[in-house]
């Protein structure tokens, strides 16, 4: 019985860790893409005098 509880707890910890890593990666890419869009806009602004 104790082993079953431990396995369930380990599985819940793994699911939590996987969700946290997934959210972290998504947030990182959103921030990265935002920075790239900002940089592209600034370069176009300099090139065309917007």
C-alpha atoms as a PDB file:
ATOM      1  CA  UNK A   1       0.000   0.000   0.000  1.00  0.00           C
ATOM      2  CA  UNK A   2       2.788   2.407   0.884  1.00  0.00           C
ATOM      3  CA  UNK A   3       4.613   1.669  -2.388  1.00  0.00           C
ATOM      4  CA  UNK A   4       1.469   2.492  -4.363  1.00  0.00           C
ATOM      5  CA  UNK A   5       1.111   5.840  -2.595  1.00  0.00           C
ATOM      6  CA  UNK A   6       4.786   6.584  -3.233  1.00  0.00           C
ATOM      7  CA  UNK A   7       4.438   5.767  -6.961  1.00  0.00           C
ATOM      8  CA  UNK A   8       1.374   8.016  -7.256  1.00  0.00           C
ATOM      9  CA  UNK A   9       3.263  10.806  -5.510  1.00  0.00           C
ATOM     10  CA  UNK A  10       6.271  10.365  -7.811  1.00  0.00           C
ATOM     11  CA  UNK A  11       4.013  10.445 -10.868  1.00  0.00           C
ATOM     12  CA  UNK A  12       2.340  13.639  -9.658  1.00  0.00           C
ATOM     13  CA  UNK A  13       5.764  15.218  -9.094  1.00  0.00           C
ATOM     14  CA  UNK A  14       6.853  14.263 -12.608  1.00  0.00           C
ATOM     15  CA  UNK A  15       3.672  15.681 -14.112  1.00  0.00           C
ATOM     16  CA  UNK A  16       4.149  18.920 -12.199  1.00  0.00           C
ATOM     17  CA  UNK A  17       7.765  19.180 -13.328  1.00  0.00           C
ATOM     18  CA  UNK A  18       6.820  18.477 -16.948  1.00  0.00           C
ATOM     19  CA  UNK A  19       4.090  21.129 -16.858  1.00  0.00           C
ATOM     20  CA  UNK A  20       6.468  23.674 -15.324  1.00  0.00           C
ATOM     21  CA  UNK A  21       9.133  23.000 -17.951  1.00  0.00           C
ATOM     22  CA  UNK A  22       6.576  23.203 -20.747  1.00  0.00           C
ATOM     23  CA  UNK A  23       5.227  26.540 -19.539  1.00  0.00           C
ATOM     24  CA  UNK A  24       8.759  27.881 -19.079  1.00  0.00           C
ATOM     25  CA  UNK A  25       9.733  26.957 -22.638  1.00  0.00           C
ATOM     26  CA  UNK A  26       6.576  28.518 -24.084  1.00  0.00           C
ATOM     27  CA  UNK A  27       7.070  31.749 -22.121  1.00  0.00           C
ATOM     28  CA  UNK A  28      10.716  31.901 -23.207  1.00  0.00           C
ATOM     29  CA  UNK A  29       9.790  31.586 -26.880  1.00  0.00           C
ATOM     30  CA  UNK A  30       7.023  34.196 -26.613  1.00  0.00           C
ATOM     31  CA  UNK A  31       9.477  36.671 -25.066  1.00  0.00           C
ATOM     32  CA  UNK A  32      12.132  35.756 -27.664  1.00  0.00           C
ATOM     33  CA  UNK A  33       9.706  36.215 -30.576  1.00  0.00           C
ATOM     34  CA  UNK A  34       8.554  39.518 -29.105  1.00  0.00           C
ATOM     35  CA  UNK A  35      12.150  40.734 -28.951  1.00  0.00           C
ATOM     36  CA  UNK A  36      12.747  39.619 -32.536  1.00  0.00           C
ATOM     37  CA  UNK A  37       9.635  41.435 -33.752  1.00  0.00           C
ATOM     38  CA  UNK A  38      10.720  44.576 -31.889  1.00  0.00           C
ATOM     39  CA  UNK A  39      14.188  44.357 -33.425  1.00  0.00           C
ATOM     40  CA  UNK A  40      12.774  43.853 -36.923  1.00  0.00           C
ATOM     41  CA  UNK A  41      10.459  46.826 -36.492  1.00  0.00           C
ATOM     42  CA  UNK A  42      13.381  49.013 -35.376  1.00  0.00           C
ATOM     43  CA  UNK A  43      15.507  47.950 -38.352  1.00  0.00           C
ATOM     44  CA  UNK A  44      12.665  48.661 -40.770  1.00  0.00           C
ATOM     45  CA  UNK A  45      12.110  51.989 -39.079  1.00  0.00           C
ATOM     46  CA  UNK A  46      15.752  52.943 -39.593  1.00  0.00           C
ATOM     47  CA  UNK A  47      15.788  51.682 -43.195  1.00  0.00           C
ATOM     48  CA  UNK A  48      12.607  53.446 -44.326  1.00  0.00           C
ATOM     49  CA  UNK A  49      12.488  56.383 -41.911  1.00  0.00           C
ATOM     50  CA  UNK A  50       9.130  55.492 -40.313  1.00  0.00           C
END
